[in-house]
Amino acid sequence: MYPQIITYLLTFIKFQEQIIRTLLTLLIGKSMFDKPKDQQPVNKPYRKLQVDDLPIIEIPEKLNYRNLLTEYQEKHGKSLKPVRRHKNAKVSVPKGMKCPKCGAPS
């Protein structure tokens, strides 16, 4: 009895598969179950290598921080106060670091 039910169900599944294929073919308009035709690969040449222009390197003007401080004092009538860092600052400036433009200490 079981083999007869199994064979009946298998034939019914095959019939459903044919119906689904037919409906998909009607829905899409072309048979998507056909084997794809041999397609030739697209032969596009690579883009030619382009090299960027060299960067413009400008040498920064060297200043003296002491001269800048005296100019500020003459212009504003008071001395320029140093930068005060917050107590809980996570980033600290190393003591040996100097400004690359004017040479001012940290």
Protein backbone atom coordinates (compact mmCIF):
# COMPACT_ATOMS: atom_id res chain seq x y z
CA MET A 1 0.00 0.00 0.00
CA TYR A 2 2.81 2.45 0.86
CA PRO A 3 4.69 2.04 -2.42
CA GLN A 4 1.50 2.82 -4.36
CA ILE A 5 0.94 6.05 -2.37
CA ILE A 6 4.58 7.07 -2.83
CA THR A 7 4.47 6.50 -6.58
CA TYR A 8 1.17 8.38 -6.81
CA LEU A 9 2.60 11.33 -4.85
CA LEU A 10 5.75 11.40 -7.00
CA THR A 11 3.70 11.54 -10.19
CA PHE A 12 1.54 14.26 -8.68
CA ILE A 13 4.66 16.27 -7.74
CA LYS A 14 5.96 15.96 -11.29
CA PHE A 15 2.61 17.15 -12.63
CA GLN A 16 2.71 20.16 -10.28
CA GLU A 17 6.24 20.94 -11.43
CA GLN A 18 5.08 21.00 -15.06
CA ILE A 19 2.21 23.34 -14.15
CA ILE A 20 4.56 25.67 -12.26
CA ARG A 21 6.99 25.76 -15.20
CA THR A 22 4.16 26.56 -17.61
CA LEU A 23 2.83 29.34 -15.40
CA LEU A 24 6.30 30.82 -14.96
CA THR A 25 6.88 30.70 -18.70
CA LEU A 26 3.61 32.54 -19.29
CA LEU A 27 4.38 35.03 -16.55
CA ILE A 28 7.93 35.85 -17.63
CA GLY A 29 7.37 35.59 -21.36
CA LYS A 30 10.31 33.38 -22.14
CA SER A 31 11.36 30.00 -21.03
CA MET A 32 13.73 30.36 -18.11
CA PHE A 33 14.33 26.63 -18.01
CA ASP A 34 16.18 26.48 -21.32
CA LYS A 35 19.90 26.09 -21.19
CA PRO A 36 21.69 29.41 -21.66
CA LYS A 37 23.21 29.96 -25.06
CA ASP A 38 26.94 30.23 -25.40
CA GLN A 39 27.69 33.86 -24.82
CA GLN A 40 30.94 35.44 -25.83
CA PRO A 41 32.67 37.36 -23.04
CA VAL A 42 32.85 41.10 -23.41
CA ASN A 43 36.29 42.07 -24.62
CA LYS A 44 36.93 45.55 -23.24
CA PRO A 45 40.45 46.85 -23.02
CA TYR A 46 41.63 48.07 -19.64
CA ARG A 47 41.81 51.76 -19.01
CA LYS A 48 45.25 53.15 -19.62
CA LEU A 49 47.34 53.90 -16.57
CA GLN A 50 47.26 57.54 -15.56
CA VAL A 51 49.77 59.00 -13.16
CA ASP A 52 48.76 61.96 -11.01
CA ASP A 53 50.80 65.13 -11.06
CA LEU A 54 53.36 65.53 -8.33
CA PRO A 55 52.04 67.33 -5.26
CA ILE A 56 52.96 70.94 -4.74
CA ILE A 57 55.21 71.07 -1.72
CA GLU A 58 55.43 74.48 -0.14
CA ILE A 59 58.06 75.22 2.44
CA PRO A 60 56.28 76.93 5.35
CA GLU A 61 57.46 80.38 6.33
CA LYS A 62 59.69 80.15 9.40
CA LEU A 63 58.70 82.55 12.13
CA ASN A 64 60.06 83.29 15.56
CA TYR A 65 57.51 82.91 18.36
CA ARG A 66 59.25 85.55 20.51
CA ASN A 67 58.88 88.13 17.73
CA LEU A 68 55.22 87.16 17.36
CA LEU A 69 54.63 87.64 21.10
CA THR A 70 56.25 91.08 21.08
CA GLU A 71 54.20 92.12 18.02
CA TYR A 72 51.02 90.98 19.76
CA GLN A 73 51.94 92.93 22.91
CA GLU A 74 52.62 96.08 20.87
CA LYS A 75 49.38 95.76 18.91
CA HIS A 76 47.01 94.92 21.79
CA GLY A 77 48.82 96.44 24.77
CA LYS A 78 48.84 93.21 26.78
CA SER A 79 50.78 89.97 26.66
CA LEU A 80 49.30 86.83 25.13
CA LYS A 81 48.34 84.26 27.75
CA PRO A 82 49.45 80.65 27.28
CA VAL A 83 46.91 77.93 26.54
CA ARG A 84 45.53 76.30 29.68
CA ARG A 85 44.60 72.65 29.38
CA HIS A 86 41.68 71.08 31.21
CA LYS A 87 42.50 68.98 34.25
CA ASN A 88 40.74 65.88 32.93
CA ALA A 89 42.10 66.12 29.37
CA LYS A 90 42.78 62.71 27.84
CA VAL A 91 45.29 64.06 25.34
CA SER A 92 48.43 65.80 26.53
CA VAL A 93 51.08 67.56 24.48
CA PRO A 94 54.57 66.12 24.95
CA LYS A 95 57.03 68.51 26.60
CA GLY A 96 59.64 68.13 23.84
CA MET A 97 57.26 69.03 21.00
CA LYS A 98 57.66 72.35 19.22
CA CYS A 99 55.58 74.19 16.62
CA PRO A 100 56.96 73.45 13.14
CA LYS A 101 56.17 76.98 11.90
CA CYS A 102 57.37 79.23 14.72
CA GLY A 103 59.30 76.95 17.08
CA ALA A 104 57.12 77.70 20.11
CA PRO A 105 57.46 75.19 22.94
CA SER A 106 54.57 73.02 24.07
